[in-house]
Structure formats: structure tokens, C-alpha cells
């Protein structure tokens, strides 16, 4: 059996990246970071769609992004798998 993997990054209950690809409909470099974030799918909607496409959530890891010794952002990585 052969497996495919999908690594998703969440920020503020949105899937922002999947395998390194921006998921929003507004470009990240648009100059309006809130609009760009809001254009990303919500985590629950993304997972529902992925599940219909055969993806299964197999792991989740919390990440903390720090800058200048202070926490600037909390993120979670979701690991999905499906067989081909």
C-alpha cells in the first residue's frame, strides 16, 4: 500500500498552508494580513472537505513561534494521510 501525506498549518482556526502552499484566496503579500487570513478556510471546513477526499487526520502538533524571546503566534500542524 502507498500513502500520501498532507501537512497543514493552522493559525487562528484557519488552515493557512497545506504542504507549504498558501490556502487563502487573498494573496499573503496583499498588504492586508487580516483579509488574507480571513480568506483561508476554517479548520473544520477544510477537514470536512479533506475527509470526503479520503484524507484522515493522523496527528496534530502545537507550535509556538517566537520572536525576540516573546511568543508572537501559536500554530498547530495537522498531519493527514490517505492511501492511493
PDB file of N, CA and C in Angstrom:
ATOM      1  N   UNK A   1       0.842  -1.176   0.000  1.00  0.00           N
ATOM      2  CA  UNK A   1       0.000   0.000   0.000  1.00  0.00           C
ATOM      3  C   UNK A   1       0.893   1.247   0.000  1.00  0.00           C
ATOM      4  N   UNK A   2       0.496   2.249  -0.757  1.00  0.00           N
ATOM      5  CA  UNK A   2       1.242   3.503  -0.846  1.00  0.00           C
ATOM      6  C   UNK A   2       0.415   4.598  -0.188  1.00  0.00           C
ATOM      7  N   UNK A   3       1.092   5.452   0.614  1.00  0.00           N
ATOM      8  CA  UNK A   3       0.410   6.527   1.314  1.00  0.00           C
ATOM      9  C   UNK A   3       0.873   7.885   0.818  1.00  0.00           C
ATOM     10  N   UNK A   4      -0.036   8.838   0.861  1.00  0.00           N
ATOM     11  CA  UNK A   4       0.262  10.245   0.617  1.00  0.00           C
ATOM     12  C   UNK A   4       0.096  10.969   1.943  1.00  0.00           C
ATOM     13  N   UNK A   5       0.845  12.045   2.120  1.00  0.00           N
ATOM     14  CA  UNK A   5       0.742  12.821   3.357  1.00  0.00           C
ATOM     15  C   UNK A   5       0.512  14.286   3.041  1.00  0.00           C
ATOM     16  N   UNK A   6      -0.246  14.920   3.907  1.00  0.00           N
ATOM     17  CA  UNK A   6      -0.564  16.328   3.790  1.00  0.00           C
ATOM     18  C   UNK A   6      -0.281  16.959   5.153  1.00  0.00           C
ATOM     19  N   UNK A   7       0.554  17.997   5.164  1.00  0.00           N
ATOM     20  CA  UNK A   7       0.883  18.700   6.395  1.00  0.00           C
ATOM     21  C   UNK A   7       0.252  20.080   6.311  1.00  0.00           C
ATOM     22  N   UNK A   8      -0.654  20.355   7.242  1.00  0.00           N
ATOM     23  CA  UNK A   8      -1.400  21.615   7.244  1.00  0.00           C
ATOM     24  C   UNK A   8      -1.000  22.452   8.453  1.00  0.00           C
ATOM     25  N   UNK A   9      -0.860  23.731   8.232  1.00  0.00           N
ATOM     26  CA  UNK A   9      -0.577  24.668   9.318  1.00  0.00           C
ATOM     27  C   UNK A   9      -1.837  25.448   9.623  1.00  0.00           C
ATOM     28  N   UNK A  10      -2.188  25.536  10.899  1.00  0.00           N
ATOM     29  CA  UNK A  10      -3.344  26.329  11.298  1.00  0.00           C
ATOM     30  C   UNK A  10      -2.877  27.575  12.035  1.00  0.00           C
ATOM     31  N   UNK A  11      -3.612  28.642  11.845  1.00  0.00           N
ATOM     32  CA  UNK A  11      -3.410  29.884  12.577  1.00  0.00           C
ATOM     33  C   UNK A  11      -4.788  30.492  12.791  1.00  0.00           C
ATOM     34  N   UNK A  12      -5.114  30.796  14.048  1.00  0.00           N
ATOM     35  CA  UNK A  12      -6.400  31.420  14.373  1.00  0.00           C
ATOM     36  C   UNK A  12      -7.576  30.651  13.773  1.00  0.00           C
ATOM     37  N   UNK A  13      -7.563  29.327  13.937  1.00  0.00           N
ATOM     38  CA  UNK A  13      -8.638  28.432  13.469  1.00  0.00           C
ATOM     39  C   UNK A  13      -8.821  28.435  11.954  1.00  0.00           C
ATOM     40  N   UNK A  14      -7.754  28.744  11.244  1.00  0.00           N
ATOM     41  CA  UNK A  14      -7.773  28.716   9.770  1.00  0.00           C
ATOM     42  C   UNK A  14      -6.623  27.841   9.270  1.00  0.00           C
ATOM     43  N   UNK A  15      -6.842  27.138   8.182  1.00  0.00           N
ATOM     44  CA  UNK A  15      -5.756  26.412   7.515  1.00  0.00           C
ATOM     45  C   UNK A  15      -5.073  27.421   6.607  1.00  0.00           C
ATOM     46  N   UNK A  16      -3.841  27.776   6.955  1.00  0.00           N
ATOM     47  CA  UNK A  16      -3.134  28.791   6.181  1.00  0.00           C
ATOM     48  C   UNK A  16      -2.225  28.185   5.105  1.00  0.00           C
ATOM     49  N   UNK A  17      -1.601  27.060   5.415  1.00  0.00           N
ATOM     50  CA  UNK A  17      -0.727  26.395   4.445  1.00  0.00           C
ATOM     51  C   UNK A  17      -1.004  24.901   4.449  1.00  0.00           C
ATOM     52  N   UNK A  18      -0.939  24.269   3.283  1.00  0.00           N
ATOM     53  CA  UNK A  18      -1.024  22.816   3.143  1.00  0.00           C
ATOM     54  C   UNK A  18       0.142  22.405   2.255  1.00  0.00           C
ATOM     55  N   UNK A  19       1.034  21.611   2.808  1.00  0.00           N
ATOM     56  CA  UNK A  19       2.272  21.221   2.124  1.00  0.00           C
ATOM     57  C   UNK A  19       3.006  22.450   1.574  1.00  0.00           C
ATOM     58  N   UNK A  20       3.015  23.510   2.377  1.00  0.00           N
ATOM     59  CA  UNK A  20       3.753  24.720   2.032  1.00  0.00           C
ATOM     60  C   UNK A  20       3.056  25.665   1.067  1.00  0.00           C
ATOM     61  N   UNK A  21       1.839  25.356   0.658  1.00  0.00           N
ATOM     62  CA  UNK A  21       1.113  26.180  -0.309  1.00  0.00           C
ATOM     63  C   UNK A  21       0.050  27.003   0.432  1.00  0.00           C
ATOM     64  N   UNK A  22       0.047  28.318   0.217  1.00  0.00           N
ATOM     65  CA  UNK A  22      -0.920  29.224   0.823  1.00  0.00           C
ATOM     66  C   UNK A  22      -2.330  28.802   0.431  1.00  0.00           C
ATOM     67  N   UNK A  23      -3.249  28.728   1.393  1.00  0.00           N
ATOM     68  CA  UNK A  23      -4.605  28.254   1.143  1.00  0.00           C
ATOM     69  C   UNK A  23      -5.638  29.358   0.997  1.00  0.00           C
ATOM     70  N   UNK A  24      -5.253  30.601   1.196  1.00  0.00           N
ATOM     71  CA  UNK A  24      -6.201  31.703   1.099  1.00  0.00           C
ATOM     72  C   UNK A  24      -6.456  32.135  -0.322  1.00  0.00           C
ATOM     73  N   UNK A  25      -7.622  32.750  -0.529  1.00  0.00           N
ATOM     74  CA  UNK A  25      -7.942  33.289  -1.850  1.00  0.00           C
ATOM     75  C   UNK A  25      -7.378  34.696  -2.024  1.00  0.00           C
ATOM     76  N   UNK A  26      -7.036  35.355  -0.911  1.00  0.00           N
ATOM     77  CA  UNK A  26      -6.366  36.657  -0.957  1.00  0.00           C
ATOM     78  C   UNK A  26      -4.872  36.386  -0.758  1.00  0.00           C
ATOM     79  N   UNK A  27      -4.017  36.864  -1.652  1.00  0.00           N
ATOM     80  CA  UNK A  27      -2.576  36.594  -1.530  1.00  0.00           C
ATOM     81  C   UNK A  27      -2.009  37.076  -0.197  1.00  0.00           C
ATOM     82  N   UNK A  28      -1.096  36.303   0.336  1.00  0.00           N
ATOM     83  CA  UNK A  28      -0.447  36.639   1.603  1.00  0.00           C
ATOM     84  C   UNK A  28       0.268  37.978   1.515  1.00  0.00           C
ATOM     85  N   UNK A  29       0.783  38.330   0.352  1.00  0.00           N
ATOM     86  CA  UNK A  29       1.510  39.577   0.149  1.00  0.00           C
ATOM     87  C   UNK A  29       0.595  40.728  -0.261  1.00  0.00           C
ATOM     88  N   UNK A  30      -0.696  40.608  -0.027  1.00  0.00           N
ATOM     89  CA  UNK A  30      -1.654  41.624  -0.477  1.00  0.00           C
ATOM     90  C   UNK A  30      -1.534  42.945   0.265  1.00  0.00           C
ATOM     91  N   UNK A  31      -0.883  42.940   1.426  1.00  0.00           N
ATOM     92  CA  UNK A  31      -0.792  44.150   2.226  1.00  0.00           C
ATOM     93  C   UNK A  31      -1.858  44.219   3.302  1.00  0.00           C
ATOM     94  N   UNK A  32      -2.856  43.353   3.242  1.00  0.00           N
ATOM     95  CA  UNK A  32      -3.905  43.293   4.256  1.00  0.00           C
ATOM     96  C   UNK A  32      -3.873  41.898   4.873  1.00  0.00           C
ATOM     97  N   UNK A  33      -3.077  41.748   5.913  1.00  0.00           N
ATOM     98  CA  UNK A  33      -2.875  40.426   6.510  1.00  0.00           C
ATOM     99  C   UNK A  33      -4.163  39.843   7.087  1.00  0.00           C
ATOM    100  N   UNK A  34      -5.041  40.681   7.622  1.00  0.00           N
ATOM    101  CA  UNK A  34      -6.304  40.163   8.168  1.00  0.00           C
ATOM    102  C   UNK A  34      -7.203  39.635   7.061  1.00  0.00           C
ATOM    103  N   UNK A  35      -7.291  40.343   5.943  1.00  0.00           N
ATOM    104  CA  UNK A  35      -8.097  39.869   4.812  1.00  0.00           C
ATOM    105  C   UNK A  35      -7.510  38.572   4.255  1.00  0.00           C
ATOM    106  N   UNK A  36      -6.188  38.497   4.183  1.00  0.00           N
ATOM    107  CA  UNK A  36      -5.544  37.283   3.689  1.00  0.00           C
ATOM    108  C   UNK A  36      -5.858  36.105   4.613  1.00  0.00           C
ATOM    109  N   UNK A  37      -5.744  36.298   5.922  1.00  0.00           N
ATOM    110  CA  UNK A  37      -6.052  35.239   6.887  1.00  0.00           C
ATOM    111  C   UNK A  37      -7.518  34.841   6.797  1.00  0.00           C
ATOM    112  N   UNK A  38      -8.402  35.828   6.731  1.00  0.00           N
ATOM    113  CA  UNK A  38      -9.834  35.549   6.661  1.00  0.00           C
ATOM    114  C   UNK A  38     -10.233  34.812   5.394  1.00  0.00           C
ATOM    115  N   UNK A  39      -9.401  34.872   4.350  1.00  0.00           N
ATOM    116  CA  UNK A  39      -9.711  34.185   3.102  1.00  0.00           C
ATOM    117  C   UNK A  39      -9.335  32.707   3.137  1.00  0.00           C
ATOM    118  N   UNK A  40      -8.654  32.279   4.194  1.00  0.00           N
ATOM    119  CA  UNK A  40      -8.280  30.874   4.350  1.00  0.00           C
ATOM    120  C   UNK A  40      -9.467  30.082   4.892  1.00  0.00           C
ATOM    121  N   UNK A  41      -9.567  28.812   4.539  1.00  0.00           N
ATOM    122  CA  UNK A  41     -10.693  28.009   5.036  1.00  0.00           C
ATOM    123  C   UNK A  41     -10.578  27.768   6.538  1.00  0.00           C
ATOM    124  N   UNK A  42     -11.736  27.704   7.195  1.00  0.00           N
ATOM    125  CA  UNK A  42     -11.732  27.359   8.614  1.00  0.00           C
ATOM    126  C   UNK A  42     -11.245  25.916   8.759  1.00  0.00           C
ATOM    127  N   UNK A  43     -10.659  25.624   9.884  1.00  0.00           N
ATOM    128  CA  UNK A  43     -10.093  24.289  10.104  1.00  0.00           C
ATOM    129  C   UNK A  43     -11.148  23.203   9.924  1.00  0.00           C
ATOM    130  N   UNK A  44     -12.323  23.376  10.504  1.00  0.00           N
ATOM    131  CA  UNK A  44     -13.358  22.339  10.444  1.00  0.00           C
ATOM    132  C   UNK A  44     -13.887  22.157   9.029  1.00  0.00           C
ATOM    133  N   UNK A  45     -14.019  23.243   8.266  1.00  0.00           N
ATOM    134  CA  UNK A  45     -14.457  23.107   6.878  1.00  0.00           C
ATOM    135  C   UNK A  45     -13.399  22.395   6.038  1.00  0.00           C
ATOM    136  N   UNK A  46     -12.132  22.768   6.247  1.00  0.00           N
ATOM    137  CA  UNK A  46     -11.044  22.147   5.498  1.00  0.00           C
ATOM    138  C   UNK A  46     -10.989  20.647   5.779  1.00  0.00           C
ATOM    139  N   UNK A  47     -11.087  20.270   7.064  1.00  0.00           N
ATOM    140  CA  UNK A  47     -11.016  18.852   7.427  1.00  0.00           C
ATOM    141  C   UNK A  47     -12.218  18.077   6.884  1.00  0.00           C
ATOM    142  N   UNK A  48     -13.390  18.688   6.877  1.00  0.00           N
ATOM    143  CA  UNK A  48     -14.571  18.018   6.321  1.00  0.00           C
ATOM    144  C   UNK A  48     -14.375  17.736   4.837  1.00  0.00           C
ATOM    145  N   UNK A  49     -13.852  18.722   4.115  1.00  0.00           N
ATOM    146  CA  UNK A  49     -13.586  18.541   2.684  1.00  0.00           C
ATOM    147  C   UNK A  49     -12.496  17.500   2.458  1.00  0.00           C
ATOM    148  N   UNK A  50     -11.431  17.581   3.240  1.00  0.00           N
ATOM    149  CA  UNK A  50     -10.331  16.621   3.107  1.00  0.00           C
ATOM    150  C   UNK A  50     -10.813  15.205   3.407  1.00  0.00           C
ATOM    151  N   UNK A  51     -11.656  15.050   4.407  1.00  0.00           N
ATOM    152  CA  UNK A  51     -12.196  13.731   4.740  1.00  0.00           C
ATOM    153  C   UNK A  51     -12.998  13.142   3.594  1.00  0.00           C
ATOM    154  N   UNK A  52     -13.785  13.972   2.931  1.00  0.00           N
ATOM    155  CA  UNK A  52     -14.553  13.494   1.764  1.00  0.00           C
ATOM    156  C   UNK A  52     -13.626  13.076   0.628  1.00  0.00           C
ATOM    157  N   UNK A  53     -12.419  13.665   0.600  1.00  0.00           N
ATOM    158  CA  UNK A  53     -11.439  13.319  -0.436  1.00  0.00           C
ATOM    159  C   UNK A  53     -10.540  12.152  -0.026  1.00  0.00           C
ATOM    160  N   UNK A  54     -10.856  11.520   1.118  1.00  0.00           N
ATOM    161  CA  UNK A  54     -10.120  10.334   1.534  1.00  0.00           C
ATOM    162  C   UNK A  54      -8.991  10.571   2.521  1.00  0.00           C
ATOM    163  N   UNK A  55      -8.793  11.823   2.962  1.00  0.00           N
ATOM    164  CA  UNK A  55      -7.731  12.131   3.920  1.00  0.00           C
ATOM    165  C   UNK A  55      -8.201  11.827   5.335  1.00  0.00           C
ATOM    166  N   UNK A  56      -7.290  11.321   6.165  1.00  0.00           N
ATOM    167  CA  UNK A  56      -7.569  11.024   7.557  1.00  0.00           C
ATOM    168  C   UNK A  56      -6.547  11.750   8.428  1.00  0.00           C
ATOM    169  N   UNK A  57      -7.024  12.431   9.457  1.00  0.00           N
ATOM    170  CA  UNK A  57      -6.134  13.109  10.397  1.00  0.00           C
ATOM    171  C   UNK A  57      -5.438  12.051  11.243  1.00  0.00           C
ATOM    172  N   UNK A  58      -4.083  12.049  11.221  1.00  0.00           N
ATOM    173  CA  UNK A  58      -3.337  11.035  11.971  1.00  0.00           C
ATOM    174  C   UNK A  58      -2.523  11.621  13.114  1.00  0.00           C
ATOM    175  N   UNK A  59      -2.281  12.933  13.108  1.00  0.00           N
ATOM    176  CA  UNK A  59      -1.517  13.554  14.201  1.00  0.00           C
ATOM    177  C   UNK A  59      -1.701  15.064  14.170  1.00  0.00           C
ATOM    178  N   UNK A  60      -1.498  15.670  15.333  1.00  0.00           N
ATOM    179  CA  UNK A  60      -1.537  17.126  15.459  1.00  0.00           C
ATOM    180  C   UNK A  60      -0.457  17.536  16.451  1.00  0.00           C
ATOM    181  N   UNK A  61       0.241  18.623  16.139  1.00  0.00           N
ATOM    182  CA  UNK A  61       1.333  19.112  16.975  1.00  0.00           C
ATOM    183  C   UNK A  61       1.176  20.609  17.152  1.00  0.00           C
ATOM    184  N   UNK A  62       1.231  21.081  18.388  1.00  0.00           N
ATOM    185  CA  UNK A  62       1.199  22.523  18.647  1.00  0.00           C
ATOM    186  C   UNK A  62       2.586  23.111  18.448  1.00  0.00           C
ATOM    187  N   UNK A  63       2.638  24.286  17.869  1.00  0.00           N
ATOM    188  CA  UNK A  63       3.892  25.013  17.658  1.00  0.00           C
ATOM    189  C   UNK A  63       3.760  26.408  18.246  1.00  0.00           C
ATOM    190  N   UNK A  64       4.849  26.927  18.753  1.00  0.00           N
ATOM    191  CA  UNK A  64       4.894  28.301  19.216  1.00  0.00           C
ATOM    192  C   UNK A  64       5.958  29.013  18.412  1.00  0.00           C
ATOM    193  N   UNK A  65       5.591  30.119  17.809  1.00  0.00           N
ATOM    194  CA  UNK A  65       6.538  30.910  17.029  1.00  0.00           C
ATOM    195  C   UNK A  65       6.970  32.078  17.900  1.00  0.00           C
ATOM    196  N   UNK A  66       8.263  32.197  18.111  1.00  0.00           N
ATOM    197  CA  UNK A  66       8.762  33.264  18.975  1.00  0.00           C
ATOM    198  C   UNK A  66       9.653  34.220  18.197  1.00  0.00           C
ATOM    199  N   UNK A  67       9.630  35.450  18.660  1.00  0.00           N
ATOM    200  CA  UNK A  67      10.499  36.487  18.093  1.00  0.00           C
ATOM    201  C   UNK A  67      10.936  37.367  19.246  1.00  0.00           C
ATOM    202  N   UNK A  68      12.212  37.629  19.314  1.00  0.00           N
ATOM    203  CA  UNK A  68      12.773  38.463  20.383  1.00  0.00           C
ATOM    204  C   UNK A  68      12.374  37.959  21.761  1.00  0.00           C
ATOM    205  N   UNK A  69      12.421  36.641  21.924  1.00  0.00           N
ATOM    206  CA  UNK A  69      12.155  35.968  23.200  1.00  0.00           C
ATOM    207  C   UNK A  69      10.722  36.099  23.706  1.00  0.00           C
ATOM    208  N   UNK A  70       9.796  36.529  22.871  1.00  0.00           N
ATOM    209  CA  UNK A  70       8.386  36.574  23.258  1.00  0.00           C
ATOM    210  C   UNK A  70       7.571  35.758  22.268  1.00  0.00           C
ATOM    211  N   UNK A  71       6.507  35.169  22.761  1.00  0.00           N
ATOM    212  CA  UNK A  71       5.624  34.400  21.893  1.00  0.00           C
ATOM    213  C   UNK A  71       4.845  35.355  21.012  1.00  0.00           C
ATOM    214  N   UNK A  72       4.963  35.158  19.720  1.00  0.00           N
ATOM    215  CA  UNK A  72       4.267  36.046  18.807  1.00  0.00           C
ATOM    216  C   UNK A  72       3.072  35.367  18.147  1.00  0.00           C
ATOM    217  N   UNK A  73       3.064  34.054  18.144  1.00  0.00           N
ATOM    218  CA  UNK A  73       1.998  33.362  17.436  1.00  0.00           C
ATOM    219  C   UNK A  73       1.945  31.905  17.870  1.00  0.00           C
ATOM    220  N   UNK A  74       0.743  31.386  18.006  1.00  0.00           N
ATOM    221  CA  UNK A  74       0.542  29.968  18.262  1.00  0.00           C
ATOM    222  C   UNK A  74       0.015  29.333  16.991  1.00  0.00           C
ATOM    223  N   UNK A  75       0.497  28.157  16.710  1.00  0.00           N
ATOM    224  CA  UNK A  75       0.138  27.473  15.480  1.00  0.00           C
ATOM    225  C   UNK A  75       0.013  25.986  15.780  1.00  0.00           C
ATOM    226  N   UNK A  76      -0.654  25.296  14.914  1.00  0.00           N
ATOM    227  CA  UNK A  76      -0.768  23.846  15.040  1.00  0.00           C
ATOM    228  C   UNK A  76      -0.520  23.245  13.664  1.00  0.00           C
ATOM    229  N   UNK A  77       0.184  22.149  13.640  1.00  0.00           N
ATOM    230  CA  UNK A  77       0.365  21.413  12.394  1.00  0.00           C
ATOM    231  C   UNK A  77      -0.494  20.170  12.457  1.00  0.00           C
ATOM    232  N   UNK A  78      -1.242  19.942  11.403  1.00  0.00           N
ATOM    233  CA  UNK A  78      -2.086  18.763  11.285  1.00  0.00           C
ATOM    234  C   UNK A  78      -1.490  17.866  10.214  1.00  0.00           C
ATOM    235  N   UNK A  79      -1.384  16.596  10.511  1.00  0.00           N
ATOM    236  CA  UNK A  79      -0.827  15.621   9.586  1.00  0.00           C
ATOM    237  C   UNK A  79      -1.949  14.710   9.121  1.00  0.00           C
ATOM    238  N   UNK A  80      -2.169  14.691   7.815  1.00  0.00           N
ATOM    239  CA  UNK A  80      -3.223  13.863   7.226  1.00  0.00           C
ATOM    240  C   UNK A  80      -2.595  12.836   6.309  1.00  0.00           C
ATOM    241  N   UNK A  81      -3.281  11.714   6.172  1.00  0.00           N
ATOM    242  CA  UNK A  81      -2.766  10.613   5.370  1.00  0.00           C
ATOM    243  C   UNK A  81      -3.919  10.009   4.577  1.00  0.00           C
ATOM    244  N   UNK A  82      -3.592   9.519   3.392  1.00  0.00           N
ATOM    245  CA  UNK A  82      -4.560   8.719   2.623  1.00  0.00           C
ATOM    246  C   UNK A  82      -3.789   7.708   1.792  1.00  0.00           C
ATOM    247  N   UNK A  83      -4.428   6.596   1.502  1.00  0.00           N
ATOM    248  CA  UNK A  83      -3.776   5.574   0.675  1.00  0.00           C
ATOM    249  C   UNK A  83      -4.174   5.795  -0.774  1.00  0.00           C
ATOM    250  N   UNK A  84      -3.261   5.409  -1.624  1.00  0.00           N
ATOM    251  CA  UNK A  84      -3.515   5.528  -3.080  1.00  0.00           C
ATOM    252  C   UNK A  84      -3.771   4.173  -3.656  1.00  0.00           C
TER     253      UNK A  84
END
